[in-house]
N, C-alpha and C. Protein backbone atom coordinates (compact mmCIF):
# COMPACT_ATOMS: atom_id res chain seq x y z
N UNK A 1 1.58 14.20 -3.38
CA UNK A 1 0.14 14.32 -3.24
C UNK A 1 -0.54 13.23 -4.08
N UNK A 2 -1.46 12.53 -3.48
CA UNK A 2 -2.18 11.50 -4.23
C UNK A 2 -3.52 12.06 -4.71
N UNK A 3 -3.97 11.52 -5.83
CA UNK A 3 -5.24 11.98 -6.40
C UNK A 3 -6.39 11.65 -5.45
N UNK A 4 -7.43 12.47 -5.52
CA UNK A 4 -8.58 12.29 -4.63
C UNK A 4 -9.24 10.93 -4.82
N UNK A 5 -9.32 10.45 -6.08
CA UNK A 5 -9.97 9.16 -6.30
C UNK A 5 -9.18 8.01 -5.67
N UNK A 6 -7.87 8.12 -5.63
CA UNK A 6 -7.04 7.10 -4.97
C UNK A 6 -7.23 7.18 -3.47
N UNK A 7 -7.27 8.39 -2.94
CA UNK A 7 -7.47 8.59 -1.51
C UNK A 7 -8.80 7.99 -1.06
N UNK A 8 -9.86 8.26 -1.81
CA UNK A 8 -11.18 7.71 -1.47
C UNK A 8 -11.18 6.18 -1.57
N UNK A 9 -10.49 5.65 -2.57
CA UNK A 9 -10.44 4.20 -2.75
C UNK A 9 -9.69 3.54 -1.59
N UNK A 10 -8.61 4.15 -1.13
CA UNK A 10 -7.89 3.63 0.04
C UNK A 10 -8.79 3.63 1.27
N UNK A 11 -9.56 4.70 1.44
CA UNK A 11 -10.50 4.77 2.55
C UNK A 11 -11.55 3.66 2.48
N UNK A 12 -12.07 3.41 1.29
CA UNK A 12 -13.03 2.33 1.08
C UNK A 12 -12.41 0.98 1.41
N UNK A 13 -11.18 0.77 0.96
CA UNK A 13 -10.48 -0.49 1.24
C UNK A 13 -10.32 -0.69 2.74
N UNK A 14 -9.98 0.36 3.45
CA UNK A 14 -9.79 0.25 4.91
C UNK A 14 -11.12 -0.06 5.59
N UNK A 15 -12.16 0.66 5.23
CA UNK A 15 -13.47 0.44 5.86
C UNK A 15 -14.00 -0.97 5.59
N UNK A 16 -13.65 -1.53 4.43
CA UNK A 16 -14.14 -2.87 4.10
C UNK A 16 -13.24 -3.98 4.65
N UNK A 17 -12.15 -3.59 5.31
CA UNK A 17 -11.25 -4.58 5.90
C UNK A 17 -10.29 -5.21 4.91
N UNK A 18 -10.08 -4.56 3.77
CA UNK A 18 -9.21 -5.11 2.73
C UNK A 18 -7.89 -4.35 2.61
N UNK A 19 -7.47 -3.72 3.69
CA UNK A 19 -6.22 -2.97 3.67
C UNK A 19 -5.35 -3.41 4.85
N UNK A 20 -4.15 -3.85 4.54
CA UNK A 20 -3.17 -4.21 5.57
C UNK A 20 -2.30 -2.98 5.76
N UNK A 21 -2.17 -2.51 7.01
CA UNK A 21 -1.42 -1.28 7.25
C UNK A 21 -0.28 -1.51 8.22
N UNK A 22 0.80 -0.78 8.02
CA UNK A 22 1.95 -0.87 8.90
C UNK A 22 3.01 -1.80 8.35
N UNK A 23 4.25 -1.46 8.61
CA UNK A 23 5.38 -2.17 8.02
C UNK A 23 5.41 -3.66 8.37
N UNK A 24 5.28 -4.00 9.64
CA UNK A 24 5.40 -5.41 10.03
C UNK A 24 4.27 -6.26 9.46
N UNK A 25 3.04 -5.75 9.49
CA UNK A 25 1.91 -6.50 8.94
C UNK A 25 2.02 -6.65 7.43
N UNK A 26 2.48 -5.61 6.76
CA UNK A 26 2.66 -5.68 5.30
C UNK A 26 3.76 -6.67 4.96
N UNK A 27 4.89 -6.62 5.68
CA UNK A 27 5.97 -7.58 5.42
C UNK A 27 5.50 -9.01 5.65
N UNK A 28 4.72 -9.23 6.68
CA UNK A 28 4.17 -10.56 6.96
C UNK A 28 3.25 -11.01 5.83
N UNK A 29 2.44 -10.10 5.32
CA UNK A 29 1.54 -10.41 4.21
C UNK A 29 2.33 -10.75 2.95
N UNK A 30 3.41 -10.03 2.71
CA UNK A 30 4.26 -10.31 1.54
C UNK A 30 4.91 -11.68 1.69
N UNK A 31 5.50 -11.94 2.86
CA UNK A 31 6.18 -13.22 3.10
C UNK A 31 5.24 -14.41 2.97
N UNK A 32 4.01 -14.25 3.42
CA UNK A 32 3.04 -15.34 3.35
C UNK A 32 2.38 -15.41 1.96
N UNK A 33 2.83 -14.56 1.06
CA UNK A 33 2.38 -14.50 -0.32
C UNK A 33 0.88 -14.23 -0.44
N UNK A 34 0.35 -13.46 0.51
CA UNK A 34 -1.05 -13.05 0.46
C UNK A 34 -1.20 -11.67 -0.16
N UNK A 35 -0.18 -10.83 -0.05
CA UNK A 35 -0.25 -9.46 -0.57
C UNK A 35 -0.36 -9.49 -2.09
N UNK A 36 -1.29 -8.72 -2.63
CA UNK A 36 -1.48 -8.64 -4.08
C UNK A 36 -0.94 -7.34 -4.65
N UNK A 37 -0.86 -6.30 -3.80
CA UNK A 37 -0.34 -5.00 -4.24
C UNK A 37 0.08 -4.21 -3.01
N UNK A 38 1.21 -3.52 -3.11
CA UNK A 38 1.76 -2.75 -1.99
C UNK A 38 1.96 -1.30 -2.42
N UNK A 39 1.58 -0.39 -1.55
CA UNK A 39 1.81 1.05 -1.75
C UNK A 39 2.77 1.54 -0.68
N UNK A 40 3.81 2.24 -1.10
CA UNK A 40 4.83 2.77 -0.19
C UNK A 40 4.86 4.29 -0.37
N UNK A 41 4.96 5.03 0.73
CA UNK A 41 5.03 6.50 0.62
C UNK A 41 6.41 6.94 0.17
N UNK A 42 6.46 8.13 -0.40
CA UNK A 42 7.73 8.70 -0.87
C UNK A 42 8.63 9.08 0.30
N UNK A 43 8.04 9.36 1.47
CA UNK A 43 8.84 9.85 2.59
C UNK A 43 9.13 8.78 3.65
N UNK A 44 9.02 7.52 3.28
CA UNK A 44 9.36 6.43 4.20
C UNK A 44 10.88 6.41 4.38
N UNK A 45 11.34 5.93 5.52
CA UNK A 45 12.77 5.83 5.77
C UNK A 45 13.47 4.93 4.76
N UNK A 46 14.70 5.24 4.45
CA UNK A 46 15.44 4.49 3.43
C UNK A 46 15.57 3.01 3.75
N UNK A 47 15.89 2.66 4.99
CA UNK A 47 16.06 1.24 5.33
C UNK A 47 14.73 0.50 5.24
N UNK A 48 13.65 1.14 5.66
CA UNK A 48 12.32 0.53 5.55
C UNK A 48 11.93 0.36 4.09
N UNK A 49 12.19 1.39 3.28
CA UNK A 49 11.87 1.32 1.86
C UNK A 49 12.61 0.16 1.20
N UNK A 50 13.91 0.04 1.50
CA UNK A 50 14.71 -1.02 0.91
C UNK A 50 14.18 -2.39 1.32
N UNK A 51 13.85 -2.55 2.59
CA UNK A 51 13.36 -3.83 3.09
C UNK A 51 12.06 -4.24 2.38
N UNK A 52 11.13 -3.31 2.27
CA UNK A 52 9.84 -3.61 1.65
C UNK A 52 10.00 -3.87 0.16
N UNK A 53 10.74 -3.04 -0.53
CA UNK A 53 10.92 -3.21 -1.97
C UNK A 53 11.66 -4.51 -2.27
N UNK A 54 12.68 -4.84 -1.48
CA UNK A 54 13.40 -6.10 -1.68
C UNK A 54 12.46 -7.30 -1.52
N UNK A 55 11.60 -7.26 -0.50
CA UNK A 55 10.63 -8.35 -0.28
C UNK A 55 9.65 -8.43 -1.45
N UNK A 56 9.19 -7.28 -1.92
CA UNK A 56 8.26 -7.27 -3.06
C UNK A 56 8.91 -7.89 -4.30
N UNK A 57 10.16 -7.54 -4.56
CA UNK A 57 10.87 -8.12 -5.70
C UNK A 57 11.03 -9.63 -5.52
N UNK A 58 11.47 -10.05 -4.34
CA UNK A 58 11.72 -11.47 -4.08
C UNK A 58 10.46 -12.31 -4.23
N UNK A 59 9.34 -11.81 -3.68
CA UNK A 59 8.08 -12.57 -3.72
C UNK A 59 7.20 -12.18 -4.91
N UNK A 60 7.73 -11.33 -5.80
CA UNK A 60 7.05 -10.91 -7.02
C UNK A 60 5.69 -10.27 -6.75
N UNK A 61 5.68 -9.36 -5.79
CA UNK A 61 4.47 -8.61 -5.45
C UNK A 61 4.58 -7.23 -6.09
N UNK A 62 3.60 -6.83 -6.90
CA UNK A 62 3.67 -5.50 -7.50
C UNK A 62 3.55 -4.41 -6.44
N UNK A 63 4.25 -3.31 -6.66
CA UNK A 63 4.22 -2.19 -5.71
C UNK A 63 4.40 -0.89 -6.47
N UNK A 64 4.08 0.18 -5.79
CA UNK A 64 4.38 1.51 -6.32
C UNK A 64 4.69 2.44 -5.16
N UNK A 65 5.45 3.48 -5.46
CA UNK A 65 5.79 4.51 -4.47
C UNK A 65 4.94 5.72 -4.82
N UNK A 66 4.15 6.18 -3.85
CA UNK A 66 3.15 7.20 -4.15
C UNK A 66 2.79 7.99 -2.90
N UNK A 67 2.74 9.29 -3.02
CA UNK A 67 2.23 10.12 -1.93
C UNK A 67 3.14 10.19 -0.71
N UNK A 68 2.60 10.78 0.34
CA UNK A 68 3.34 10.95 1.58
C UNK A 68 2.58 10.30 2.73
N UNK A 69 3.25 10.22 3.86
CA UNK A 69 2.61 9.68 5.06
C UNK A 69 1.37 10.50 5.42
N UNK A 70 1.45 11.80 5.22
CA UNK A 70 0.31 12.68 5.50
C UNK A 70 -0.87 12.35 4.57
N UNK A 71 -0.58 12.09 3.29
CA UNK A 71 -1.64 11.70 2.35
C UNK A 71 -2.33 10.42 2.80
N UNK A 72 -1.52 9.44 3.21
CA UNK A 72 -2.08 8.16 3.65
C UNK A 72 -2.92 8.35 4.91
N UNK A 73 -2.45 9.19 5.84
CA UNK A 73 -3.20 9.37 7.09
C UNK A 73 -4.54 10.05 6.83
N UNK A 74 -4.59 10.96 5.87
CA UNK A 74 -5.86 11.58 5.50
C UNK A 74 -6.79 10.56 4.85
N UNK A 75 -6.24 9.67 4.05
CA UNK A 75 -7.06 8.70 3.31
C UNK A 75 -7.60 7.59 4.20
N UNK A 76 -6.77 7.09 5.13
CA UNK A 76 -7.18 5.91 5.90
C UNK A 76 -7.38 6.18 7.38
N UNK A 77 -7.06 7.39 7.82
CA UNK A 77 -7.27 7.73 9.22
C UNK A 77 -6.21 7.19 10.16
N UNK A 78 -5.12 6.71 9.62
CA UNK A 78 -3.99 6.21 10.41
C UNK A 78 -2.71 6.71 9.78
N UNK A 79 -1.71 7.00 10.61
CA UNK A 79 -0.43 7.45 10.09
C UNK A 79 0.40 6.23 9.72
N UNK A 80 0.49 5.95 8.44
CA UNK A 80 1.21 4.78 7.95
C UNK A 80 2.07 5.18 6.75
N UNK A 81 3.17 4.43 6.56
CA UNK A 81 4.05 4.67 5.42
C UNK A 81 3.95 3.58 4.37
N UNK A 82 3.27 2.49 4.72
CA UNK A 82 3.13 1.39 3.77
C UNK A 82 1.80 0.69 4.02
N UNK A 83 1.12 0.37 2.93
CA UNK A 83 -0.14 -0.38 3.01
C UNK A 83 -0.14 -1.43 1.90
N UNK A 84 -0.97 -2.44 2.08
CA UNK A 84 -1.09 -3.50 1.07
C UNK A 84 -2.52 -3.99 1.05
N UNK A 85 -2.88 -4.65 -0.02
CA UNK A 85 -4.16 -5.34 -0.08
C UNK A 85 -3.92 -6.80 -0.42
N UNK A 86 -4.74 -7.66 0.15
CA UNK A 86 -4.67 -9.10 -0.10
C UNK A 86 -5.81 -9.54 -1.01
N UNK A 87 -6.55 -8.57 -1.54
CA UNK A 87 -7.72 -8.84 -2.37
C UNK A 87 -7.40 -8.50 -3.83
N UNK A 88 -7.55 -9.48 -4.72
CA UNK A 88 -7.24 -9.27 -6.14
C UNK A 88 -8.06 -8.15 -6.76
N UNK A 89 -9.34 -8.10 -6.46
CA UNK A 89 -10.21 -7.08 -7.03
C UNK A 89 -9.80 -5.68 -6.63
N UNK A 90 -9.52 -5.49 -5.35
CA UNK A 90 -9.07 -4.17 -4.88
C UNK A 90 -7.70 -3.83 -5.45
N UNK A 91 -6.83 -4.83 -5.59
CA UNK A 91 -5.50 -4.58 -6.15
C UNK A 91 -5.62 -4.08 -7.59
N UNK A 92 -6.46 -4.74 -8.38
CA UNK A 92 -6.65 -4.32 -9.78
C UNK A 92 -7.29 -2.94 -9.85
N UNK A 93 -8.28 -2.69 -8.99
CA UNK A 93 -8.95 -1.39 -8.96
C UNK A 93 -8.00 -0.26 -8.59
N UNK A 94 -7.17 -0.52 -7.59
CA UNK A 94 -6.21 0.50 -7.16
C UNK A 94 -5.18 0.78 -8.25
N UNK A 95 -4.68 -0.27 -8.88
CA UNK A 95 -3.70 -0.10 -9.95
C UNK A 95 -4.32 0.69 -11.11
N UNK A 96 -5.57 0.41 -11.42
CA UNK A 96 -6.27 1.14 -12.49
C UNK A 96 -6.38 2.62 -12.14
N UNK A 97 -6.72 2.94 -10.90
CA UNK A 97 -6.85 4.34 -10.48
C UNK A 97 -5.50 5.05 -10.49
N UNK A 98 -4.44 4.35 -10.13
CA UNK A 98 -3.10 4.94 -10.15
C UNK A 98 -2.68 5.28 -11.57
N UNK A 99 -3.05 4.42 -12.52
CA UNK A 99 -2.64 4.61 -13.92
C UNK A 99 -3.55 5.55 -14.71
N UNK A 100 -4.62 6.05 -14.10
CA UNK A 100 -5.53 6.99 -14.80
C UNK A 100 -4.87 8.32 -15.04
């Protein structure tokens, strides 16, 4: 379960167009070194989790594992297991909310 303030922040990021959603788009964002922060759900498939985390390590993109697919779908209105932001400000804000 993710905190309500994180859920609302993810919704704001999506509405403002600063959220990349879905595995292929997130991987593309990581590879192109545009991703600033990646969020992965706890219930993502093992092979998908490994692929995303390995890319994050290789390209030195910070990430965290948090919440479930259901939490993400409530927050952003789409059923996704991985999201990223390409905006430094939103990345810092999200990281701050996660660490509260």
